[in-house]
């Protein structure tokens, strides 16, 4: 197929649909830590699922991934809500790891 001659001579143009001369600010500064917190909660859910399915190797992998995510969240600049969420997630992770360790110790 060939391109019509009128289009071949002129490169395509971008059309400006909407503009503002104001600088764009980030949509939500909380969004970063909230995404990481959601990933930590998902990881915790995965740990419980793998425990239920007795997939012990995956349990340890998921716990290590959750620790990595918690470390990543600790390195972020957090507001008061973010710090409170981190504290709660950290405490919950420690509690679940202790429970898993005692379960594994009892089953061996």
N, C-alpha and C. Protein backbone atom coordinates (compact mmCIF):
# COMPACT_ATOMS: atom_id res chain seq x y z
N UNK A 1 0.84 -1.18 0.00
CA UNK A 1 0.00 0.00 0.00
C UNK A 1 0.87 1.24 0.00
N UNK A 2 0.46 2.18 -0.75
CA UNK A 2 1.22 3.42 -0.78
C UNK A 2 0.48 4.50 0.00
N UNK A 3 1.23 5.47 0.44
CA UNK A 3 0.68 6.59 1.19
C UNK A 3 0.25 7.66 0.21
N UNK A 4 -0.91 8.28 0.41
CA UNK A 4 -1.31 9.36 -0.50
C UNK A 4 -0.25 10.46 -0.53
N UNK A 5 -0.09 11.08 -1.66
CA UNK A 5 0.95 12.09 -1.87
C UNK A 5 0.84 13.24 -0.88
N UNK A 6 -0.37 13.64 -0.53
CA UNK A 6 -0.53 14.77 0.40
C UNK A 6 0.00 14.44 1.78
N UNK A 7 -0.09 13.18 2.21
CA UNK A 7 0.42 12.80 3.52
C UNK A 7 1.92 12.51 3.48
N UNK A 8 2.43 12.09 2.38
CA UNK A 8 3.84 11.75 2.26
C UNK A 8 4.74 12.97 2.39
N UNK A 9 4.27 14.14 1.97
CA UNK A 9 5.10 15.35 1.99
C UNK A 9 5.22 15.95 3.39
N UNK A 10 4.20 15.79 4.21
CA UNK A 10 4.18 16.41 5.53
C UNK A 10 4.22 15.35 6.62
N UNK A 11 5.15 15.48 7.53
CA UNK A 11 5.19 14.51 8.63
C UNK A 11 3.96 14.70 9.52
N UNK A 12 3.56 13.68 10.25
CA UNK A 12 2.38 13.82 11.11
C UNK A 12 2.64 14.85 12.21
N UNK A 13 1.61 15.55 12.59
CA UNK A 13 1.71 16.58 13.62
C UNK A 13 1.03 16.11 14.89
N UNK A 14 1.57 16.53 16.01
CA UNK A 14 0.91 16.28 17.28
C UNK A 14 -0.03 17.44 17.55
N UNK A 15 -1.20 17.12 17.99
CA UNK A 15 -2.17 18.16 18.29
C UNK A 15 -2.30 18.29 19.80
N UNK A 16 -2.22 19.48 20.31
CA UNK A 16 -2.36 19.76 21.73
C UNK A 16 -3.84 19.76 22.06
N UNK A 17 -4.23 18.86 22.93
CA UNK A 17 -5.65 18.74 23.26
C UNK A 17 -6.01 19.63 24.43
N UNK A 18 -5.19 19.62 25.47
CA UNK A 18 -5.45 20.42 26.64
C UNK A 18 -4.12 20.83 27.24
N UNK A 19 -4.05 22.05 27.75
CA UNK A 19 -2.79 22.52 28.28
C UNK A 19 -3.02 23.45 29.45
N UNK A 20 -2.00 23.50 30.27
CA UNK A 20 -1.97 24.46 31.37
C UNK A 20 -0.52 24.88 31.51
N UNK A 21 -0.29 26.11 31.77
CA UNK A 21 1.08 26.57 31.92
C UNK A 21 1.60 26.34 33.34
N UNK A 22 0.75 25.80 34.21
CA UNK A 22 1.14 25.52 35.59
C UNK A 22 1.91 24.19 35.64
N UNK A 23 2.95 24.12 36.48
CA UNK A 23 3.67 22.85 36.60
C UNK A 23 2.75 21.78 37.22
N UNK A 24 2.95 20.56 36.83
CA UNK A 24 2.13 19.46 37.32
C UNK A 24 2.77 18.91 38.58
N UNK A 25 1.97 18.82 39.63
CA UNK A 25 2.47 18.23 40.88
C UNK A 25 2.09 16.75 40.91
N UNK A 26 2.80 15.98 41.72
CA UNK A 26 2.46 14.56 41.81
C UNK A 26 1.01 14.40 42.26
N UNK A 27 0.35 13.39 41.77
CA UNK A 27 -1.06 13.19 42.07
C UNK A 27 -1.31 13.02 43.56
N UNK A 28 -0.57 12.17 44.20
CA UNK A 28 -0.77 11.92 45.62
C UNK A 28 0.55 11.51 46.23
N UNK A 29 1.11 12.32 47.13
CA UNK A 29 2.40 11.95 47.71
C UNK A 29 2.34 10.68 48.55
N UNK A 30 1.15 10.34 49.05
CA UNK A 30 1.00 9.12 49.85
C UNK A 30 0.99 7.86 49.00
N UNK A 31 0.78 8.01 47.72
CA UNK A 31 0.58 6.85 46.85
C UNK A 31 1.75 5.87 46.89
N UNK A 32 2.97 6.36 47.00
CA UNK A 32 4.14 5.48 46.99
C UNK A 32 4.16 4.52 48.16
N UNK A 33 4.05 5.04 49.38
CA UNK A 33 4.09 4.14 50.53
C UNK A 33 2.84 3.28 50.61
N UNK A 34 1.72 3.81 50.12
CA UNK A 34 0.49 3.00 50.14
C UNK A 34 0.61 1.79 49.21
N UNK A 35 1.27 1.97 48.08
CA UNK A 35 1.48 0.84 47.16
C UNK A 35 2.38 -0.22 47.80
N UNK A 36 3.44 0.24 48.48
CA UNK A 36 4.34 -0.71 49.14
C UNK A 36 3.60 -1.42 50.27
N UNK A 37 2.79 -0.68 51.05
CA UNK A 37 2.01 -1.29 52.12
C UNK A 37 1.05 -2.33 51.57
N UNK A 38 0.44 -2.04 50.44
CA UNK A 38 -0.46 -3.01 49.81
C UNK A 38 0.31 -4.26 49.39
N UNK A 39 1.52 -4.08 48.88
CA UNK A 39 2.34 -5.23 48.49
C UNK A 39 2.72 -6.06 49.73
N UNK A 40 2.96 -5.40 50.86
CA UNK A 40 3.28 -6.12 52.09
C UNK A 40 2.06 -6.92 52.55
N UNK A 41 0.88 -6.32 52.49
CA UNK A 41 -0.34 -7.04 52.86
C UNK A 41 -0.59 -8.23 51.94
N UNK A 42 -0.34 -8.04 50.66
CA UNK A 42 -0.50 -9.14 49.70
C UNK A 42 0.48 -10.26 50.01
N UNK A 43 1.69 -9.89 50.36
CA UNK A 43 2.70 -10.88 50.71
C UNK A 43 2.28 -11.65 51.96
N UNK A 44 1.71 -10.95 52.93
CA UNK A 44 1.23 -11.61 54.15
C UNK A 44 0.11 -12.59 53.82
N UNK A 45 -0.78 -12.19 52.92
CA UNK A 45 -1.86 -13.08 52.50
C UNK A 45 -1.27 -14.32 51.82
N UNK A 46 -0.24 -14.11 51.00
CA UNK A 46 0.42 -15.24 50.32
C UNK A 46 1.05 -16.20 51.33
N UNK A 47 1.66 -15.64 52.40
CA UNK A 47 2.26 -16.49 53.43
C UNK A 47 1.19 -17.40 54.03
N UNK A 48 0.03 -16.83 54.37
CA UNK A 48 -1.03 -17.65 54.98
C UNK A 48 -1.55 -18.69 53.99
N UNK A 49 -1.64 -18.33 52.72
CA UNK A 49 -2.10 -19.28 51.71
C UNK A 49 -1.11 -20.43 51.56
N UNK A 50 0.19 -20.10 51.51
CA UNK A 50 1.21 -21.15 51.37
C UNK A 50 1.26 -22.03 52.62
N UNK A 51 1.03 -21.46 53.78
CA UNK A 51 0.96 -22.27 55.00
C UNK A 51 -0.20 -23.25 54.91
N UNK A 52 -1.33 -22.75 54.47
CA UNK A 52 -2.51 -23.59 54.35
C UNK A 52 -2.28 -24.72 53.34
N UNK A 53 -1.58 -24.41 52.26
CA UNK A 53 -1.30 -25.42 51.23
C UNK A 53 -0.08 -26.27 51.57
N UNK A 54 0.55 -25.99 52.70
CA UNK A 54 1.76 -26.69 53.17
C UNK A 54 2.89 -26.65 52.15
N UNK A 55 3.07 -25.48 51.57
CA UNK A 55 4.17 -25.26 50.62
C UNK A 55 5.27 -24.52 51.38
N UNK A 56 6.03 -25.25 52.16
CA UNK A 56 6.98 -24.68 53.11
C UNK A 56 8.06 -23.84 52.45
N UNK A 57 8.57 -24.28 51.31
CA UNK A 57 9.60 -23.51 50.61
C UNK A 57 9.09 -22.14 50.19
N UNK A 58 7.88 -22.11 49.71
CA UNK A 58 7.28 -20.83 49.29
C UNK A 58 7.02 -19.92 50.50
N UNK A 59 6.71 -20.51 51.66
CA UNK A 59 6.49 -19.71 52.87
C UNK A 59 7.75 -18.91 53.17
N UNK A 60 8.90 -19.59 53.17
CA UNK A 60 10.16 -18.90 53.48
C UNK A 60 10.52 -17.86 52.43
N UNK A 61 10.27 -18.16 51.17
CA UNK A 61 10.53 -17.17 50.11
C UNK A 61 9.66 -15.93 50.29
N UNK A 62 8.40 -16.15 50.61
CA UNK A 62 7.46 -15.02 50.76
C UNK A 62 7.79 -14.19 52.00
N UNK A 63 8.22 -14.84 53.06
CA UNK A 63 8.62 -14.10 54.27
C UNK A 63 9.83 -13.23 53.95
N UNK A 64 10.78 -13.77 53.20
CA UNK A 64 11.96 -12.97 52.86
C UNK A 64 11.59 -11.81 51.94
N UNK A 65 10.64 -12.04 51.03
CA UNK A 65 10.18 -10.95 50.17
C UNK A 65 9.47 -9.87 51.00
N UNK A 66 8.69 -10.30 51.97
CA UNK A 66 7.99 -9.34 52.83
C UNK A 66 9.00 -8.51 53.63
N UNK A 67 10.05 -9.15 54.12
CA UNK A 67 11.10 -8.41 54.85
C UNK A 67 11.75 -7.37 53.95
N UNK A 68 11.98 -7.75 52.71
CA UNK A 68 12.58 -6.83 51.74
C UNK A 68 11.66 -5.63 51.50
N UNK A 69 10.37 -5.89 51.36
CA UNK A 69 9.40 -4.80 51.17
C UNK A 69 9.34 -3.89 52.40
N UNK A 70 9.39 -4.48 53.58
CA UNK A 70 9.40 -3.66 54.80
C UNK A 70 10.66 -2.79 54.86
N UNK A 71 11.79 -3.35 54.46
CA UNK A 71 13.02 -2.56 54.41
C UNK A 71 12.93 -1.42 53.42
N UNK A 72 12.31 -1.69 52.29
CA UNK A 72 12.11 -0.66 51.27
C UNK A 72 11.22 0.45 51.82
N UNK A 73 10.16 0.06 52.53
CA UNK A 73 9.25 1.06 53.10
C UNK A 73 9.94 1.88 54.19
N UNK A 74 10.81 1.23 54.98
CA UNK A 74 11.56 1.95 56.01
C UNK A 74 12.45 3.04 55.40
N UNK A 75 12.95 2.80 54.20
CA UNK A 75 13.86 3.75 53.55
C UNK A 75 13.12 4.93 52.92
N UNK A 76 11.80 4.83 52.83
CA UNK A 76 11.02 5.90 52.19
C UNK A 76 10.81 7.05 53.17
N UNK A 77 10.58 8.24 52.62
CA UNK A 77 10.20 9.38 53.44
C UNK A 77 8.70 9.28 53.69
N UNK A 78 8.33 9.06 54.96
CA UNK A 78 6.93 8.81 55.29
C UNK A 78 6.36 9.95 56.12
N UNK A 79 5.07 10.20 55.94
CA UNK A 79 4.38 11.14 56.80
C UNK A 79 3.91 10.38 58.05
N UNK A 80 3.12 11.02 58.90
CA UNK A 80 2.67 10.39 60.14
C UNK A 80 1.86 9.12 59.87
N UNK A 81 0.99 9.17 58.87
CA UNK A 81 0.20 7.99 58.53
C UNK A 81 1.08 6.86 58.01
N UNK A 82 2.06 7.19 57.21
CA UNK A 82 2.97 6.19 56.68
C UNK A 82 3.79 5.54 57.78
N UNK A 83 4.26 6.36 58.73
CA UNK A 83 5.03 5.80 59.85
C UNK A 83 4.17 4.89 60.72
N UNK A 84 2.92 5.29 60.94
CA UNK A 84 2.02 4.45 61.73
C UNK A 84 1.74 3.13 61.00
N UNK A 85 1.54 3.21 59.70
CA UNK A 85 1.29 2.00 58.91
C UNK A 85 2.52 1.09 58.94
N UNK A 86 3.70 1.66 58.80
CA UNK A 86 4.93 0.87 58.84
C UNK A 86 5.08 0.18 60.19
N UNK A 87 4.83 0.91 61.25
CA UNK A 87 4.94 0.33 62.60
C UNK A 87 3.97 -0.85 62.75
N UNK A 88 2.73 -0.68 62.30
CA UNK A 88 1.74 -1.76 62.41
C UNK A 88 2.12 -2.96 61.55
N UNK A 89 2.57 -2.70 60.32
CA UNK A 89 2.96 -3.79 59.43
C UNK A 89 4.18 -4.53 59.96
N UNK A 90 5.12 -3.79 60.53
CA UNK A 90 6.33 -4.39 61.09
C UNK A 90 5.98 -5.30 62.27
N UNK A 91 5.12 -4.80 63.16
CA UNK A 91 4.71 -5.59 64.33
C UNK A 91 3.95 -6.85 63.89
N UNK A 92 3.06 -6.70 62.91
CA UNK A 92 2.30 -7.85 62.42
C UNK A 92 3.22 -8.89 61.78
N UNK A 93 4.21 -8.42 61.03
CA UNK A 93 5.15 -9.34 60.39
C UNK A 93 5.96 -10.10 61.43
N UNK A 94 6.44 -9.39 62.46
CA UNK A 94 7.19 -10.07 63.52
C UNK A 94 6.34 -11.10 64.24
N UNK A 95 5.10 -10.73 64.54
CA UNK A 95 4.20 -11.65 65.22
C UNK A 95 3.94 -12.89 64.38
N UNK A 96 3.72 -12.71 63.08
CA UNK A 96 3.45 -13.87 62.23
C UNK A 96 4.70 -14.74 62.08
N UNK A 97 5.87 -14.11 62.01
CA UNK A 97 7.10 -14.90 61.90
C UNK A 97 7.36 -15.71 63.16
N UNK A 98 7.06 -15.12 64.32
CA UNK A 98 7.19 -15.88 65.57
C UNK A 98 6.23 -17.05 65.60
N UNK A 99 4.99 -16.83 65.17
CA UNK A 99 4.00 -17.90 65.15
C UNK A 99 4.42 -19.01 64.20
N UNK A 100 4.93 -18.65 63.05
CA UNK A 100 5.37 -19.65 62.07
C UNK A 100 6.56 -20.43 62.62
N UNK A 101 7.50 -19.72 63.26
CA UNK A 101 8.67 -20.39 63.83
C UNK A 101 8.24 -21.39 64.90
N UNK A 102 7.27 -21.01 65.74
CA UNK A 102 6.83 -21.95 66.77
C UNK A 102 6.08 -23.13 66.15
N UNK A 103 5.30 -22.88 65.09
CA UNK A 103 4.61 -23.98 64.41
C UNK A 103 5.61 -24.94 63.78
N UNK A 104 6.61 -24.40 63.14
CA UNK A 104 7.61 -25.24 62.49
C UNK A 104 8.42 -26.01 63.53
N UNK A 105 8.68 -25.38 64.66
CA UNK A 105 9.41 -26.04 65.73
C UNK A 105 8.60 -27.18 66.34
N UNK A 106 7.29 -26.98 66.45
CA UNK A 106 6.42 -28.00 67.02
C UNK A 106 6.23 -29.16 66.07
N UNK A 107 6.20 -28.85 64.76
CA UNK A 107 5.94 -29.92 63.78
C UNK A 107 7.16 -30.79 63.52
N UNK A 108 8.33 -30.32 63.88
CA UNK A 108 9.56 -31.08 63.61
C UNK A 108 9.86 -32.06 64.68
